[in-house]
N, C-alpha and C. Protein backbone atom coordinates (compact mmCIF):
# COMPACT_ATOMS: atom_id res chain seq x y z
N UNK A 1 -4.65 3.60 47.10
CA UNK A 1 -5.02 4.56 46.07
C UNK A 1 -4.32 4.25 44.74
N UNK A 2 -3.01 3.94 44.84
CA UNK A 2 -2.28 3.61 43.62
C UNK A 2 -2.86 2.38 42.95
N UNK A 3 -3.27 1.41 43.76
CA UNK A 3 -3.83 0.19 43.20
C UNK A 3 -5.11 0.50 42.44
N UNK A 4 -5.92 1.42 42.94
CA UNK A 4 -7.15 1.80 42.24
C UNK A 4 -6.84 2.49 40.92
N UNK A 5 -5.83 3.37 40.94
CA UNK A 5 -5.43 4.05 39.70
C UNK A 5 -4.90 3.05 38.69
N UNK A 6 -4.11 2.11 39.16
CA UNK A 6 -3.57 1.08 38.27
C UNK A 6 -4.70 0.26 37.67
N UNK A 7 -5.63 -0.16 38.50
CA UNK A 7 -6.76 -0.97 38.03
C UNK A 7 -7.61 -0.19 37.03
N UNK A 8 -7.84 1.09 37.32
CA UNK A 8 -8.63 1.92 36.41
C UNK A 8 -7.90 2.10 35.08
N UNK A 9 -6.60 2.32 35.14
CA UNK A 9 -5.81 2.48 33.91
C UNK A 9 -5.83 1.20 33.08
N UNK A 10 -5.68 0.07 33.76
CA UNK A 10 -5.70 -1.21 33.07
C UNK A 10 -7.05 -1.45 32.41
N UNK A 11 -8.12 -1.14 33.13
CA UNK A 11 -9.46 -1.33 32.58
C UNK A 11 -9.68 -0.45 31.35
N UNK A 12 -9.23 0.80 31.41
CA UNK A 12 -9.35 1.69 30.26
C UNK A 12 -8.55 1.18 29.07
N UNK A 13 -7.36 0.70 29.34
CA UNK A 13 -6.52 0.18 28.25
C UNK A 13 -7.17 -1.03 27.60
N UNK A 14 -7.74 -1.90 28.41
CA UNK A 14 -8.39 -3.09 27.86
C UNK A 14 -9.63 -2.72 27.05
N UNK A 15 -10.35 -1.71 27.51
CA UNK A 15 -11.52 -1.27 26.77
C UNK A 15 -11.14 -0.54 25.49
N UNK A 16 -10.06 0.23 25.53
CA UNK A 16 -9.65 1.01 24.37
C UNK A 16 -9.04 0.13 23.29
N UNK A 17 -8.43 -1.00 23.67
CA UNK A 17 -7.79 -1.88 22.69
C UNK A 17 -8.71 -2.29 21.57
N UNK A 18 -9.88 -2.87 21.86
CA UNK A 18 -10.79 -3.25 20.79
C UNK A 18 -11.30 -2.06 19.99
N UNK A 19 -11.51 -0.92 20.66
CA UNK A 19 -11.97 0.27 19.95
C UNK A 19 -10.92 0.71 18.95
N UNK A 20 -9.64 0.73 19.39
CA UNK A 20 -8.56 1.15 18.49
C UNK A 20 -8.47 0.19 17.30
N UNK A 21 -8.63 -1.10 17.55
CA UNK A 21 -8.56 -2.08 16.47
C UNK A 21 -9.71 -1.88 15.48
N UNK A 22 -10.88 -1.49 15.99
CA UNK A 22 -12.02 -1.28 15.12
C UNK A 22 -11.86 -0.04 14.25
N UNK A 23 -11.02 0.89 14.66
CA UNK A 23 -10.82 2.11 13.90
C UNK A 23 -10.07 1.85 12.59
N UNK A 24 -9.39 0.74 12.50
CA UNK A 24 -8.66 0.41 11.29
C UNK A 24 -9.66 -0.01 10.21
N UNK A 25 -9.70 0.70 9.08
CA UNK A 25 -10.67 0.37 8.03
C UNK A 25 -10.47 -1.04 7.47
N UNK A 26 -11.53 -1.60 6.94
CA UNK A 26 -11.49 -2.97 6.40
C UNK A 26 -10.37 -3.15 5.38
N UNK A 27 -10.15 -2.15 4.56
CA UNK A 27 -9.12 -2.24 3.53
C UNK A 27 -7.74 -2.49 4.13
N UNK A 28 -7.51 -1.96 5.33
CA UNK A 28 -6.19 -2.04 5.95
C UNK A 28 -6.06 -3.16 6.98
N UNK A 29 -7.07 -3.95 7.16
CA UNK A 29 -7.02 -5.01 8.16
C UNK A 29 -6.34 -6.27 7.62
N UNK A 30 -5.15 -6.06 7.09
CA UNK A 30 -4.39 -7.15 6.50
C UNK A 30 -2.91 -6.94 6.77
N UNK A 31 -2.16 -8.00 6.58
CA UNK A 31 -0.70 -7.93 6.65
C UNK A 31 -0.14 -8.50 5.36
N UNK A 32 1.01 -7.98 4.97
CA UNK A 32 1.73 -8.49 3.81
C UNK A 32 3.16 -8.78 4.22
N UNK A 33 3.75 -9.85 3.72
CA UNK A 33 5.16 -10.09 4.01
C UNK A 33 6.01 -9.02 3.31
N UNK A 34 6.96 -8.48 4.05
CA UNK A 34 7.84 -7.44 3.51
C UNK A 34 8.89 -8.06 2.59
N UNK A 35 9.21 -7.36 1.51
CA UNK A 35 10.19 -7.85 0.54
C UNK A 35 11.55 -8.05 1.19
N UNK A 36 12.11 -9.25 0.99
CA UNK A 36 13.44 -9.62 1.49
C UNK A 36 13.59 -9.39 2.99
N UNK A 37 12.58 -9.83 3.74
CA UNK A 37 12.59 -9.64 5.18
C UNK A 37 11.73 -10.72 5.83
N UNK A 38 11.99 -10.97 7.09
CA UNK A 38 11.13 -11.87 7.85
C UNK A 38 9.99 -11.08 8.50
N UNK A 39 10.02 -9.77 8.35
CA UNK A 39 9.00 -8.90 8.92
C UNK A 39 7.76 -8.88 8.03
N UNK A 40 6.67 -8.42 8.62
CA UNK A 40 5.45 -8.21 7.85
C UNK A 40 5.11 -6.72 7.85
N UNK A 41 4.32 -6.33 6.90
CA UNK A 41 3.80 -4.97 6.83
C UNK A 41 2.37 -5.03 7.34
N UNK A 42 2.14 -4.49 8.54
CA UNK A 42 0.80 -4.41 9.10
C UNK A 42 0.15 -3.17 8.50
N UNK A 43 -0.82 -3.37 7.63
CA UNK A 43 -1.41 -2.25 6.91
C UNK A 43 -2.15 -1.29 7.82
N UNK A 44 -2.58 -1.75 9.01
CA UNK A 44 -3.24 -0.84 9.95
C UNK A 44 -2.32 0.29 10.40
N UNK A 45 -1.01 0.10 10.27
CA UNK A 45 -0.09 1.18 10.63
C UNK A 45 -0.28 2.40 9.72
N UNK A 46 -0.93 2.21 8.57
CA UNK A 46 -1.17 3.30 7.64
C UNK A 46 -2.54 3.96 7.85
N UNK A 47 -3.26 3.54 8.89
CA UNK A 47 -4.55 4.13 9.21
C UNK A 47 -4.36 5.64 9.42
N UNK A 48 -5.18 6.43 8.77
CA UNK A 48 -5.07 7.88 8.88
C UNK A 48 -4.14 8.51 7.86
N UNK A 49 -3.51 7.68 7.03
CA UNK A 49 -2.64 8.18 5.98
C UNK A 49 -3.27 7.86 4.62
N UNK A 50 -2.91 8.64 3.63
CA UNK A 50 -3.34 8.35 2.26
C UNK A 50 -2.35 7.35 1.67
N UNK A 51 -2.84 6.53 0.75
CA UNK A 51 -1.99 5.51 0.14
C UNK A 51 -2.10 5.55 -1.38
N UNK A 52 -1.01 5.17 -2.02
CA UNK A 52 -1.03 4.79 -3.42
C UNK A 52 -0.51 3.36 -3.43
N UNK A 53 -1.39 2.41 -3.72
CA UNK A 53 -1.02 1.00 -3.75
C UNK A 53 -0.82 0.62 -5.22
N UNK A 54 0.34 0.05 -5.50
CA UNK A 54 0.72 -0.25 -6.89
C UNK A 54 1.15 -1.70 -7.01
N UNK A 55 0.56 -2.42 -7.97
CA UNK A 55 1.07 -3.76 -8.28
C UNK A 55 2.22 -3.59 -9.26
N UNK A 56 3.39 -4.04 -8.85
CA UNK A 56 4.60 -3.80 -9.62
C UNK A 56 5.12 -5.10 -10.24
N UNK A 57 6.05 -4.95 -11.17
CA UNK A 57 6.72 -6.09 -11.79
C UNK A 57 8.08 -5.61 -12.31
N UNK A 58 9.12 -6.27 -11.89
CA UNK A 58 10.49 -5.85 -12.18
C UNK A 58 10.82 -5.82 -13.66
N UNK A 59 10.24 -6.74 -14.44
CA UNK A 59 10.63 -6.86 -15.84
C UNK A 59 9.56 -6.35 -16.80
N UNK A 60 8.69 -5.51 -16.29
CA UNK A 60 7.64 -4.90 -17.10
C UNK A 60 8.20 -3.64 -17.78
N UNK A 61 7.68 -3.33 -18.94
CA UNK A 61 8.08 -2.11 -19.62
C UNK A 61 7.73 -0.85 -18.85
N UNK A 62 6.82 -0.97 -17.87
CA UNK A 62 6.45 0.17 -17.05
C UNK A 62 7.31 0.29 -15.79
N UNK A 63 8.28 -0.61 -15.60
CA UNK A 63 9.13 -0.58 -14.41
C UNK A 63 9.82 0.77 -14.18
N UNK A 64 10.17 1.53 -15.21
CA UNK A 64 10.75 2.85 -14.93
C UNK A 64 9.84 3.77 -14.12
N UNK A 65 8.55 3.42 -14.00
CA UNK A 65 7.65 4.20 -13.15
C UNK A 65 8.07 4.14 -11.69
N UNK A 66 8.90 3.18 -11.31
CA UNK A 66 9.41 3.15 -9.94
C UNK A 66 10.02 4.50 -9.56
N UNK A 67 10.76 5.11 -10.49
CA UNK A 67 11.40 6.41 -10.21
C UNK A 67 10.35 7.48 -9.93
N UNK A 68 9.31 7.52 -10.74
CA UNK A 68 8.24 8.49 -10.53
C UNK A 68 7.46 8.23 -9.25
N UNK A 69 7.25 6.96 -8.93
CA UNK A 69 6.56 6.62 -7.68
C UNK A 69 7.39 7.04 -6.48
N UNK A 70 8.70 6.84 -6.56
CA UNK A 70 9.59 7.29 -5.49
C UNK A 70 9.55 8.81 -5.35
N UNK A 71 9.52 9.51 -6.47
CA UNK A 71 9.42 10.98 -6.43
C UNK A 71 8.11 11.42 -5.78
N UNK A 72 7.01 10.74 -6.09
CA UNK A 72 5.72 11.03 -5.44
C UNK A 72 5.82 10.83 -3.94
N UNK A 73 6.41 9.70 -3.56
CA UNK A 73 6.57 9.39 -2.14
C UNK A 73 7.38 10.48 -1.44
N UNK A 74 8.48 10.88 -2.02
CA UNK A 74 9.32 11.92 -1.41
C UNK A 74 8.58 13.26 -1.35
N UNK A 75 7.80 13.55 -2.37
CA UNK A 75 7.08 14.83 -2.42
C UNK A 75 5.98 14.93 -1.37
N UNK A 76 5.29 13.80 -1.12
CA UNK A 76 4.10 13.85 -0.26
C UNK A 76 4.20 13.09 1.06
N UNK A 77 5.28 12.41 1.33
CA UNK A 77 5.33 11.57 2.53
C UNK A 77 5.18 12.38 3.81
N UNK A 78 5.72 13.59 3.85
CA UNK A 78 5.61 14.41 5.05
C UNK A 78 4.20 14.96 5.25
N UNK A 79 3.37 14.83 4.21
CA UNK A 79 1.97 15.25 4.31
C UNK A 79 1.05 14.07 4.59
N UNK A 80 1.64 12.87 4.74
CA UNK A 80 0.84 11.71 5.11
C UNK A 80 0.59 10.71 4.01
N UNK A 81 1.37 10.74 2.92
CA UNK A 81 1.18 9.77 1.85
C UNK A 81 2.17 8.62 1.99
N UNK A 82 1.68 7.41 1.79
CA UNK A 82 2.52 6.23 1.71
C UNK A 82 2.29 5.59 0.34
N UNK A 83 3.37 5.32 -0.36
CA UNK A 83 3.30 4.51 -1.57
C UNK A 83 3.63 3.09 -1.13
N UNK A 84 2.81 2.14 -1.52
CA UNK A 84 3.01 0.73 -1.17
C UNK A 84 3.13 -0.08 -2.45
N UNK A 85 4.30 -0.66 -2.66
CA UNK A 85 4.52 -1.49 -3.83
C UNK A 85 4.27 -2.95 -3.52
N UNK A 86 3.50 -3.60 -4.38
CA UNK A 86 3.20 -5.01 -4.22
C UNK A 86 3.58 -5.74 -5.51
N UNK A 87 4.77 -6.32 -5.54
CA UNK A 87 5.17 -7.07 -6.74
C UNK A 87 4.20 -8.23 -7.00
N UNK A 88 3.98 -8.49 -8.27
CA UNK A 88 3.09 -9.59 -8.65
C UNK A 88 3.60 -10.23 -9.93
N UNK A 89 3.43 -11.53 -10.01
CA UNK A 89 3.80 -12.26 -11.22
C UNK A 89 2.54 -12.68 -12.00
N UNK A 90 1.42 -12.04 -11.69
CA UNK A 90 0.17 -12.39 -12.37
C UNK A 90 0.26 -12.20 -13.89
N UNK A 91 1.14 -11.31 -14.33
CA UNK A 91 1.29 -11.06 -15.77
C UNK A 91 2.65 -11.56 -16.27
N UNK A 92 3.26 -12.43 -15.47
CA UNK A 92 4.49 -13.15 -15.85
C UNK A 92 5.67 -12.22 -16.15
N UNK A 93 5.81 -11.18 -15.32
CA UNK A 93 6.92 -10.25 -15.52
C UNK A 93 7.66 -9.94 -14.22
N UNK A 94 7.53 -10.84 -13.25
CA UNK A 94 8.25 -10.68 -11.98
C UNK A 94 9.14 -11.88 -11.77
N UNK A 95 10.27 -11.65 -11.15
CA UNK A 95 11.22 -12.72 -10.87
C UNK A 95 10.67 -13.66 -9.80
N UNK A 96 11.08 -14.91 -9.87
CA UNK A 96 10.76 -15.87 -8.81
C UNK A 96 11.71 -15.70 -7.63
N UNK A 97 12.74 -14.90 -7.81
CA UNK A 97 13.77 -14.70 -6.81
C UNK A 97 13.57 -13.34 -6.13
N UNK A 98 13.21 -13.37 -4.84
CA UNK A 98 12.96 -12.12 -4.10
C UNK A 98 14.19 -11.22 -4.07
N UNK A 99 15.38 -11.81 -4.07
CA UNK A 99 16.61 -11.01 -4.07
C UNK A 99 16.71 -10.19 -5.35
N UNK A 100 16.33 -10.79 -6.46
CA UNK A 100 16.38 -10.08 -7.73
C UNK A 100 15.34 -8.97 -7.77
N UNK A 101 14.14 -9.26 -7.25
CA UNK A 101 13.10 -8.23 -7.17
C UNK A 101 13.58 -7.07 -6.31
N UNK A 102 14.17 -7.39 -5.17
CA UNK A 102 14.67 -6.35 -4.27
C UNK A 102 15.75 -5.51 -4.94
N UNK A 103 16.63 -6.16 -5.69
CA UNK A 103 17.70 -5.43 -6.39
C UNK A 103 17.10 -4.42 -7.37
N UNK A 104 16.14 -4.87 -8.15
CA UNK A 104 15.51 -3.97 -9.12
C UNK A 104 14.90 -2.76 -8.40
N UNK A 105 14.16 -3.02 -7.33
CA UNK A 105 13.47 -1.94 -6.61
C UNK A 105 14.44 -1.02 -5.88
N UNK A 106 15.24 -1.61 -5.01
CA UNK A 106 16.06 -0.82 -4.10
C UNK A 106 17.35 -0.29 -4.72
N UNK A 107 17.99 -1.08 -5.55
CA UNK A 107 19.28 -0.69 -6.12
C UNK A 107 19.09 0.03 -7.46
N UNK A 108 18.40 -0.62 -8.38
CA UNK A 108 18.27 -0.05 -9.73
C UNK A 108 17.43 1.23 -9.74
N UNK A 109 16.35 1.26 -8.93
CA UNK A 109 15.44 2.41 -8.96
C UNK A 109 15.45 3.25 -7.68
N UNK A 110 16.17 2.84 -6.66
CA UNK A 110 16.29 3.65 -5.44
C UNK A 110 15.02 3.77 -4.63
N UNK A 111 14.17 2.76 -4.67
CA UNK A 111 12.91 2.80 -3.94
C UNK A 111 13.16 2.79 -2.43
N UNK A 112 12.48 3.70 -1.72
CA UNK A 112 12.53 3.71 -0.25
C UNK A 112 11.15 3.47 0.37
N UNK A 113 10.10 3.49 -0.45
CA UNK A 113 8.76 3.23 0.10
C UNK A 113 8.60 1.74 0.37
N UNK A 114 7.62 1.37 1.21
CA UNK A 114 7.44 -0.04 1.57
C UNK A 114 7.13 -0.92 0.35
N UNK A 115 7.77 -2.08 0.33
CA UNK A 115 7.56 -3.06 -0.73
C UNK A 115 7.23 -4.41 -0.09
N UNK A 116 6.20 -5.05 -0.59
CA UNK A 116 5.82 -6.38 -0.11
C UNK A 116 6.53 -7.44 -0.96
N UNK A 117 6.46 -8.67 -0.47
CA UNK A 117 6.91 -9.79 -1.30
C UNK A 117 5.87 -10.02 -2.40
N UNK A 118 6.26 -10.74 -3.42
CA UNK A 118 5.39 -11.02 -4.56
C UNK A 118 4.07 -11.64 -4.09
N UNK A 119 2.96 -11.06 -4.60
CA UNK A 119 1.61 -11.48 -4.22
C UNK A 119 0.73 -11.57 -5.46
N UNK A 120 -0.27 -12.46 -5.44
CA UNK A 120 -1.28 -12.43 -6.50
C UNK A 120 -2.20 -11.22 -6.30
N UNK A 121 -2.57 -10.55 -7.38
CA UNK A 121 -3.34 -9.31 -7.25
C UNK A 121 -4.68 -9.34 -7.99
N UNK A 122 -4.98 -10.46 -8.65
CA UNK A 122 -6.26 -10.52 -9.36
C UNK A 122 -6.84 -11.93 -9.28
N UNK A 123 -8.14 -11.99 -9.45
CA UNK A 123 -8.82 -13.28 -9.43
C UNK A 123 -9.04 -13.81 -8.03
N UNK A 124 -9.47 -15.06 -7.95
CA UNK A 124 -9.80 -15.66 -6.66
C UNK A 124 -8.58 -15.85 -5.77
N UNK A 125 -7.39 -15.88 -6.35
CA UNK A 125 -6.16 -16.03 -5.56
C UNK A 125 -5.60 -14.71 -5.07
N UNK A 126 -6.19 -13.60 -5.45
CA UNK A 126 -5.66 -12.29 -5.07
C UNK A 126 -5.55 -12.16 -3.56
N UNK A 127 -4.51 -11.47 -3.14
CA UNK A 127 -4.34 -11.18 -1.73
C UNK A 127 -5.55 -10.36 -1.25
N UNK A 128 -5.96 -10.50 0.01
CA UNK A 128 -7.15 -9.78 0.49
C UNK A 128 -7.11 -8.27 0.25
N UNK A 129 -5.94 -7.66 0.34
CA UNK A 129 -5.83 -6.23 0.06
C UNK A 129 -6.32 -5.93 -1.35
N UNK A 130 -5.86 -6.70 -2.33
CA UNK A 130 -6.25 -6.42 -3.71
C UNK A 130 -7.68 -6.82 -4.00
N UNK A 131 -8.21 -7.80 -3.28
CA UNK A 131 -9.64 -8.11 -3.44
C UNK A 131 -10.48 -6.91 -3.00
N UNK A 132 -10.09 -6.32 -1.86
CA UNK A 132 -10.83 -5.16 -1.35
C UNK A 132 -10.63 -3.94 -2.25
N UNK A 133 -9.41 -3.73 -2.74
CA UNK A 133 -9.18 -2.62 -3.68
C UNK A 133 -10.05 -2.77 -4.92
N UNK A 134 -10.09 -3.97 -5.49
CA UNK A 134 -10.89 -4.23 -6.69
C UNK A 134 -12.37 -4.01 -6.41
N UNK A 135 -12.82 -4.45 -5.25
CA UNK A 135 -14.23 -4.29 -4.87
C UNK A 135 -14.59 -2.81 -4.78
N UNK A 136 -13.76 -2.05 -4.07
CA UNK A 136 -14.05 -0.62 -3.90
C UNK A 136 -13.90 0.17 -5.20
N UNK A 137 -12.91 -0.18 -5.99
CA UNK A 137 -12.63 0.58 -7.22
C UNK A 137 -13.50 0.14 -8.39
N UNK A 138 -14.03 -1.07 -8.29
CA UNK A 138 -14.81 -1.61 -9.40
C UNK A 138 -13.97 -2.27 -10.47
N UNK A 139 -12.73 -2.62 -10.12
CA UNK A 139 -11.89 -3.29 -11.10
C UNK A 139 -10.55 -3.73 -10.54
N UNK A 140 -10.15 -4.93 -10.93
CA UNK A 140 -8.83 -5.46 -10.56
C UNK A 140 -7.80 -4.96 -11.57
N UNK A 141 -6.52 -5.03 -11.21
CA UNK A 141 -5.50 -4.62 -12.17
C UNK A 141 -5.60 -5.44 -13.46
N UNK A 142 -5.51 -4.75 -14.58
CA UNK A 142 -5.53 -5.43 -15.88
C UNK A 142 -4.12 -5.57 -16.44
N UNK A 143 -3.15 -4.98 -15.73
CA UNK A 143 -1.75 -5.10 -16.08
C UNK A 143 -0.94 -4.63 -14.88
N UNK A 144 0.37 -4.66 -15.00
CA UNK A 144 1.25 -4.19 -13.94
C UNK A 144 1.15 -2.66 -13.80
N UNK A 145 1.51 -2.18 -12.64
CA UNK A 145 1.59 -0.75 -12.34
C UNK A 145 0.24 -0.04 -12.40
N UNK A 146 -0.83 -0.76 -11.96
CA UNK A 146 -2.09 -0.09 -11.68
C UNK A 146 -1.90 0.62 -10.35
N UNK A 147 -2.48 1.80 -10.24
CA UNK A 147 -2.29 2.64 -9.06
C UNK A 147 -3.65 2.90 -8.41
N UNK A 148 -3.80 2.45 -7.16
CA UNK A 148 -5.02 2.67 -6.40
C UNK A 148 -4.75 3.75 -5.37
N UNK A 149 -5.51 4.84 -5.43
CA UNK A 149 -5.35 5.94 -4.48
C UNK A 149 -6.40 5.77 -3.39
N UNK A 150 -5.94 5.72 -2.15
CA UNK A 150 -6.79 5.45 -1.00
C UNK A 150 -6.72 6.65 -0.06
N UNK A 151 -7.88 7.11 0.42
CA UNK A 151 -7.89 8.26 1.31
C UNK A 151 -7.54 7.86 2.75
N UNK A 152 -7.49 8.83 3.62
CA UNK A 152 -7.08 8.62 5.02
C UNK A 152 -8.05 7.74 5.79
N UNK A 153 -9.27 7.57 5.26
CA UNK A 153 -10.28 6.74 5.92
C UNK A 153 -10.33 5.33 5.35
N UNK A 154 -9.43 5.01 4.44
CA UNK A 154 -9.38 3.66 3.89
C UNK A 154 -10.33 3.39 2.75
N UNK A 155 -10.71 4.44 2.02
CA UNK A 155 -11.61 4.29 0.88
C UNK A 155 -10.87 4.64 -0.41
N UNK A 156 -11.09 3.83 -1.44
CA UNK A 156 -10.47 4.10 -2.73
C UNK A 156 -11.09 5.36 -3.33
N UNK A 157 -10.24 6.32 -3.64
CA UNK A 157 -10.66 7.58 -4.26
C UNK A 157 -10.75 7.41 -5.77
N UNK A 158 -9.75 6.72 -6.32
CA UNK A 158 -9.70 6.50 -7.76
C UNK A 158 -8.62 5.46 -8.04
N UNK A 159 -8.61 4.95 -9.24
CA UNK A 159 -7.51 4.07 -9.64
C UNK A 159 -7.15 4.36 -11.08
N UNK A 160 -5.89 4.03 -11.41
CA UNK A 160 -5.32 4.43 -12.69
C UNK A 160 -4.58 3.27 -13.32
N UNK A 161 -4.65 3.20 -14.63
CA UNK A 161 -3.99 2.13 -15.37
C UNK A 161 -2.48 2.36 -15.43
N UNK A 162 -1.81 1.38 -15.98
CA UNK A 162 -0.36 1.43 -16.16
C UNK A 162 0.08 2.61 -17.00
N UNK A 163 -0.76 3.02 -17.92
CA UNK A 163 -0.40 4.09 -18.85
C UNK A 163 -0.34 5.46 -18.18
N UNK A 164 -0.94 5.57 -17.01
CA UNK A 164 -0.92 6.84 -16.28
C UNK A 164 0.39 6.92 -15.50
N UNK A 165 1.21 7.87 -15.87
CA UNK A 165 2.52 8.05 -15.22
C UNK A 165 2.34 8.65 -13.82
N UNK A 166 3.29 8.40 -12.92
CA UNK A 166 3.18 8.94 -11.56
C UNK A 166 3.08 10.47 -11.48
N UNK A 167 3.55 11.19 -12.49
CA UNK A 167 3.46 12.65 -12.46
C UNK A 167 2.25 13.19 -13.23
N UNK A 168 1.35 12.31 -13.64
CA UNK A 168 0.16 12.73 -14.38
C UNK A 168 -0.72 13.62 -13.49
N UNK A 169 -1.20 14.75 -14.01
CA UNK A 169 -2.03 15.65 -13.21
C UNK A 169 -3.28 14.99 -12.62
N UNK A 170 -3.86 14.01 -13.32
CA UNK A 170 -5.05 13.32 -12.79
C UNK A 170 -4.69 12.52 -11.54
N UNK A 171 -3.56 11.85 -11.57
CA UNK A 171 -3.11 11.08 -10.40
C UNK A 171 -2.75 12.02 -9.26
N UNK A 172 -2.05 13.10 -9.56
CA UNK A 172 -1.69 14.09 -8.53
C UNK A 172 -2.96 14.66 -7.89
N UNK A 173 -3.97 14.97 -8.69
CA UNK A 173 -5.23 15.51 -8.15
C UNK A 173 -5.90 14.50 -7.23
N UNK A 174 -5.89 13.22 -7.60
CA UNK A 174 -6.48 12.19 -6.75
C UNK A 174 -5.71 12.05 -5.44
N UNK A 175 -4.39 12.13 -5.50
CA UNK A 175 -3.57 12.05 -4.29
C UNK A 175 -3.87 13.23 -3.37
N UNK A 176 -3.93 14.41 -3.95
CA UNK A 176 -4.21 15.59 -3.12
C UNK A 176 -5.62 15.52 -2.53
N UNK A 177 -6.56 14.96 -3.26
CA UNK A 177 -7.91 14.75 -2.71
C UNK A 177 -7.84 13.76 -1.55
N UNK A 178 -7.09 12.67 -1.72
CA UNK A 178 -6.95 11.66 -0.67
C UNK A 178 -6.29 12.23 0.57
N UNK A 179 -5.37 13.17 0.37
CA UNK A 179 -4.70 13.83 1.50
C UNK A 179 -5.58 14.88 2.16
N UNK A 180 -6.68 15.24 1.51
CA UNK A 180 -7.59 16.24 2.07
C UNK A 180 -7.20 17.65 1.73
N UNK A 181 -6.52 17.83 0.62
CA UNK A 181 -6.09 19.19 0.20
C UNK A 181 -7.17 19.86 -0.60
């Protein structure tokens, strides 16, 4: 009897595996290398959560937005929001040294949300995540600190330019919409 239960459980697990993998939206079916780590960020772990994906740059004039992004993360993380920072040197304002990028994010600005290693975010070289974001939003980042708001189902709700601060009411409204409020 136990052998039958074991076999049935195993069969269900094998059948459920592909179904669970299919539940991850196309936007999240990617991995990014984590900043200053040998680990990767499996974006499917954010399935069912709202996201704000931001292309960042340590030496950009908009870098002080890290503080506001961290405040957003702290305000909404318990409600299911993840802020994901993706450093990029596409606009020539990111360090070539991951340690320096990490220092700016973690030490200078106190970032606790997930940060990827430097990635291309526009054009044919863009990382697959940003290709999908651009496709869904209708536009790639035109500068650093573009903010893409993604709902719990993996669809872009809206996106915002660098000039939109993290505490802007339009961005807050999009985040709350993505959270289902």
